[in-house]
Amino acid sequence: MSNNLPDSQRALLDQGAILPVMEEFYTIQGEGFNTGKAAYFIRLGGCDVGCHWCDVKESWDANLHPLTDVKDVVERAAAHPAKAVVITGGEPSLYNLDLLCAELRSAGISIYLETSGTYPFSGDFDWICVSPKKFRKPTAEWLSKANELKVIIFNQTDFAWAEEHALAIGKDCKRYLQPEWSRSERMLPAIIDYVKENPLWEVSLQTHKFMHIP
């Protein structure tokens, strides 16, 4: 986030009272353990992980997205039938998520997080999906707290990299291998074979793309 913010805004951002919100939308969760469930997505702007295959590169520059009062975000989320929110990005661990989570919790909303886990832990979540990226490694704290480890498979060497991160998760953490969308035709058969040989892992697909929804 720009260092040119007025001191008053900087203080609110540091407290997590305002956050750079790229977009909000009500849809069906398409990936991982919670696939198929209705949820309100809150996508925060800002990411320095830099995955070359990222399909939301417009989220990277936090300065392009308006600083938004979290109470307004929660009010919009609470207006939908499914009392569930997915906080995603960008990279949401860049920000202090304590206040956003507290406000969501007060509104009776379940909170799911999608993160690469690269920055200090904050917030209070019902479900944490850590999706580690090679360009910035997740912290040990995020991996130990993860309910779900979701590794994007772009090439064959990613399987060993997935196993490396699985050594740091808890025994009840779910493990998913998901093909990078542009490489699905090539990598999905390899993932299927790998899961058949290593059944602690499961296959995750981007089902929202098949459904043509956000």
Protein backbone atom coordinates (compact mmCIF):
# COMPACT_ATOMS: atom_id res chain seq x y z
CA MET A 1 0.00 0.00 0.00
CA SER A 2 1.27 3.51 -0.79
CA ASN A 3 3.34 5.19 1.92
CA ASN A 4 1.76 8.52 0.91
CA LEU A 5 -1.46 7.92 2.84
CA PRO A 6 -2.49 10.59 5.35
CA ASP A 7 -1.61 9.61 8.90
CA SER A 8 -5.30 9.18 9.78
CA GLN A 9 -5.88 6.69 6.95
CA ARG A 10 -2.62 4.89 7.66
CA ALA A 11 -3.70 4.39 11.27
CA LEU A 12 -7.09 2.99 10.20
CA LEU A 13 -5.40 0.67 7.68
CA ASP A 14 -2.95 -0.58 10.30
CA GLN A 15 -5.89 -1.27 12.63
CA GLY A 16 -7.74 -3.10 9.85
CA ALA A 17 -10.67 -0.67 10.09
CA ILE A 18 -10.31 0.05 6.37
CA LEU A 19 -8.96 -2.36 3.76
CA PRO A 20 -8.28 -2.13 0.01
CA VAL A 21 -11.24 -4.05 -1.42
CA MET A 22 -10.90 -5.02 -5.06
CA GLU A 23 -14.30 -6.67 -5.37
CA GLU A 24 -17.12 -8.35 -3.46
CA PHE A 25 -19.53 -10.90 -4.90
CA TYR A 26 -21.93 -13.65 -3.87
CA THR A 27 -21.26 -16.96 -5.58
CA ILE A 28 -20.48 -20.66 -5.13
CA GLN A 29 -17.12 -21.69 -3.71
CA GLY A 30 -15.35 -23.51 -6.52
CA GLU A 31 -12.24 -25.05 -4.97
CA GLY A 32 -11.03 -27.27 -2.16
CA PHE A 33 -12.91 -28.63 0.83
CA ASN A 34 -15.80 -26.15 0.68
CA THR A 35 -16.53 -26.63 -3.03
CA GLY A 36 -20.21 -26.20 -3.88
CA LYS A 37 -21.15 -23.99 -0.92
CA ALA A 38 -22.66 -20.54 -1.33
CA ALA A 39 -20.49 -17.74 0.07
CA TYR A 40 -19.84 -14.01 -0.14
CA PHE A 41 -16.34 -13.36 -1.45
CA ILE A 42 -14.27 -10.40 -0.26
CA ARG A 43 -11.22 -9.95 -2.47
CA LEU A 44 -8.56 -7.68 -1.01
CA GLY A 45 -6.11 -5.85 -3.24
CA GLY A 46 -2.36 -6.15 -2.80
CA CYS A 47 -0.01 -9.06 -3.43
CA ASP A 48 3.76 -9.35 -3.77
CA VAL A 49 3.92 -13.12 -4.28
CA GLY A 50 3.99 -12.67 -8.06
CA CYS A 51 2.80 -16.00 -9.49
CA HIS A 52 3.25 -15.72 -13.27
CA TRP A 53 0.13 -17.86 -13.81
CA CYS A 54 -2.08 -15.82 -11.45
CA ASP A 55 -5.53 -15.25 -12.97
CA VAL A 56 -6.21 -12.14 -10.85
CA LYS A 57 -3.12 -10.04 -11.58
CA GLU A 58 -5.27 -6.92 -11.37
CA SER A 59 -5.37 -7.52 -7.62
CA TRP A 60 -1.61 -7.09 -7.15
CA ASP A 61 -1.44 -3.30 -6.82
CA ALA A 62 -3.30 -2.35 -3.65
CA ASN A 63 -3.26 1.31 -4.65
CA LEU A 64 -5.72 0.60 -7.46
CA HIS A 65 -8.44 -0.48 -5.03
CA PRO A 66 -10.44 1.76 -2.70
CA LEU A 67 -9.86 1.73 1.03
CA THR A 68 -13.22 0.57 2.33
CA ASP A 69 -14.73 0.61 5.81
CA VAL A 70 -14.95 -2.99 7.00
CA LYS A 71 -18.33 -2.31 8.65
CA ASP A 72 -19.77 -1.48 5.22
CA VAL A 73 -18.31 -4.69 3.80
CA VAL A 74 -19.83 -6.75 6.62
CA GLU A 75 -23.20 -5.10 6.13
CA ARG A 76 -23.21 -6.10 2.46
CA ALA A 77 -22.09 -9.63 3.27
CA ALA A 78 -24.83 -10.06 5.88
CA ALA A 79 -27.52 -9.19 3.32
CA HIS A 80 -27.10 -12.56 1.58
CA PRO A 81 -28.79 -15.85 2.55
CA ALA A 82 -25.57 -17.80 3.09
CA LYS A 83 -23.93 -16.55 6.26
CA ALA A 84 -20.46 -17.42 5.02
CA VAL A 85 -17.62 -15.24 3.78
CA VAL A 86 -14.45 -16.14 1.91
CA ILE A 87 -11.63 -13.64 2.40
CA THR A 88 -9.23 -13.87 -0.50
CA GLY A 89 -6.94 -11.73 -2.62
CA GLY A 90 -4.48 -10.67 -3.68
CA GLU A 91 -2.82 -11.72 -0.45
CA PRO A 92 -5.03 -11.04 2.58
CA SER A 93 -2.32 -11.81 5.15
CA LEU A 94 -0.75 -8.46 4.19
CA TYR A 95 -3.36 -6.84 6.43
CA ASN A 96 -4.57 -6.91 10.00
CA LEU A 97 -7.74 -9.00 9.72
CA ASP A 98 -8.69 -8.95 13.40
CA LEU A 99 -11.40 -6.29 13.14
CA LEU A 100 -12.92 -7.64 9.91
CA CYS A 101 -13.22 -11.08 11.49
CA ALA A 102 -14.65 -9.68 14.71
CA GLU A 103 -17.32 -7.75 12.81
CA LEU A 104 -18.18 -10.79 10.68
CA ARG A 105 -18.36 -12.96 13.79
CA SER A 106 -20.70 -10.45 15.47
CA ALA A 107 -22.96 -10.68 12.43
CA GLY A 108 -23.15 -14.48 12.76
CA ILE A 109 -21.10 -15.11 9.63
CA SER A 110 -18.72 -18.04 9.19
CA ILE A 111 -15.28 -17.00 7.96
CA TYR A 112 -13.15 -18.86 5.45
CA LEU A 113 -9.71 -17.63 4.42
CA GLU A 114 -7.67 -18.26 1.25
CA THR A 115 -4.03 -17.27 1.74
CA SER A 116 -0.49 -18.06 0.75
CA GLY A 117 0.34 -17.45 4.43
CA THR A 118 3.36 -15.26 3.82
CA TYR A 119 2.79 -12.55 6.44
CA PRO A 120 2.10 -12.56 10.22
CA PHE A 121 -1.05 -14.30 11.39
CA SER A 122 -4.11 -12.22 12.27
CA GLY A 123 -7.84 -12.89 12.38
CA ASP A 124 -10.21 -15.55 13.67
CA PHE A 125 -11.36 -18.11 11.11
CA ASP A 126 -13.62 -21.13 10.83
CA TRP A 127 -11.52 -22.52 7.98
CA ILE A 128 -8.04 -21.64 6.74
CA CYS A 129 -6.87 -22.72 3.31
CA VAL A 130 -3.14 -22.20 2.84
CA SER A 131 -2.04 -22.34 -0.77
CA PRO A 132 1.75 -22.00 -0.71
CA LYS A 133 3.59 -20.36 -3.57
CA LYS A 134 7.22 -20.84 -4.57
CA PHE A 135 7.92 -17.14 -4.83
CA ARG A 136 7.31 -16.45 -1.10
CA LYS A 137 7.11 -19.30 1.37
CA PRO A 138 4.33 -19.55 3.98
CA THR A 139 5.20 -19.10 7.63
CA ALA A 140 5.31 -22.06 9.99
CA GLU A 141 2.43 -20.52 11.99
CA TRP A 142 0.08 -20.42 8.99
CA LEU A 143 0.94 -24.00 8.04
CA SER A 144 0.39 -25.23 11.60
CA LYS A 145 -3.03 -23.53 11.75
CA ALA A 146 -4.18 -24.60 8.27
CA ASN A 147 -7.33 -26.70 7.91
CA GLU A 148 -6.54 -27.20 4.24
CA LEU A 149 -3.30 -27.30 2.25
CA LYS A 150 -4.03 -26.62 -1.41
CA VAL A 151 -1.08 -26.88 -3.75
CA ILE A 152 -1.30 -25.67 -7.34
CA ILE A 153 0.40 -28.14 -9.69
CA PHE A 154 2.04 -26.45 -12.67
CA ASN A 155 4.71 -29.03 -13.46
CA GLN A 156 5.96 -32.42 -12.28
CA THR A 157 8.39 -31.02 -9.70
CA ASP A 158 5.47 -29.49 -7.77
CA PHE A 159 4.54 -32.86 -6.28
CA ALA A 160 7.75 -33.03 -4.26
CA TRP A 161 7.27 -29.40 -3.28
CA ALA A 162 3.75 -30.23 -2.06
CA GLU A 163 5.09 -33.05 0.10
CA GLU A 164 7.69 -30.71 1.58
CA HIS A 165 4.94 -28.40 2.85
CA ALA A 166 2.80 -31.30 4.04
CA LEU A 167 5.49 -32.04 6.61
CA ALA A 168 4.60 -28.81 8.42
CA ILE A 169 0.80 -29.17 8.66
CA GLY A 170 -1.30 -30.70 11.44
CA LYS A 171 -2.50 -34.29 11.25
CA ASP A 172 -6.11 -33.25 10.58
CA CYS A 173 -5.29 -30.82 7.79
CA LYS A 174 -6.84 -31.74 4.43
CA ARG A 175 -4.49 -32.01 1.46
CA TYR A 176 -5.44 -30.99 -2.07
CA LEU A 177 -3.62 -30.97 -5.39
CA GLN A 178 -5.12 -28.65 -7.98
CA PRO A 179 -3.99 -28.26 -11.59
CA GLU A 180 -3.12 -24.76 -12.73
CA TRP A 181 -5.98 -23.91 -15.08
CA SER A 182 -3.96 -23.37 -18.25
CA ARG A 183 -2.12 -26.67 -17.65
CA SER A 184 -5.12 -28.77 -16.61
CA GLU A 185 -5.14 -31.00 -19.69
CA ARG A 186 -1.51 -31.91 -19.12
CA MET A 187 -1.30 -32.04 -15.32
CA LEU A 188 -4.68 -33.47 -14.27
CA PRO A 189 -3.84 -37.03 -15.40
CA ALA A 190 -0.59 -36.81 -13.41
CA ILE A 191 -2.49 -35.55 -10.35
CA ILE A 192 -5.02 -38.39 -10.62
CA ASP A 193 -2.21 -40.95 -10.77
CA TYR A 194 -0.42 -39.30 -7.85
CA VAL A 195 -3.51 -39.27 -5.62
CA LYS A 196 -4.20 -42.92 -6.42
CA GLU A 197 -0.68 -43.73 -5.20
CA ASN A 198 -0.76 -41.23 -2.33
CA PRO A 199 -4.33 -41.22 -0.98
CA LEU A 200 -3.67 -38.75 1.82
CA TRP A 201 -4.05 -36.21 -0.98
CA GLU A 202 -7.28 -35.36 -2.82
CA VAL A 203 -7.97 -33.72 -6.18
CA SER A 204 -9.27 -30.15 -6.27
CA LEU A 205 -10.67 -28.59 -9.43
CA GLN A 206 -11.69 -25.02 -10.21
CA THR A 207 -15.32 -26.00 -10.59
CA HIS A 208 -16.47 -22.36 -10.76
CA LYS A 209 -14.72 -22.09 -14.12
CA PHE A 210 -16.68 -25.06 -15.43
CA MET A 211 -19.87 -23.40 -14.11
CA HIS A 212 -18.87 -20.05 -15.70
CA ILE A 213 -19.37 -18.13 -12.47
CA PRO A 214 -16.99 -15.81 -10.54
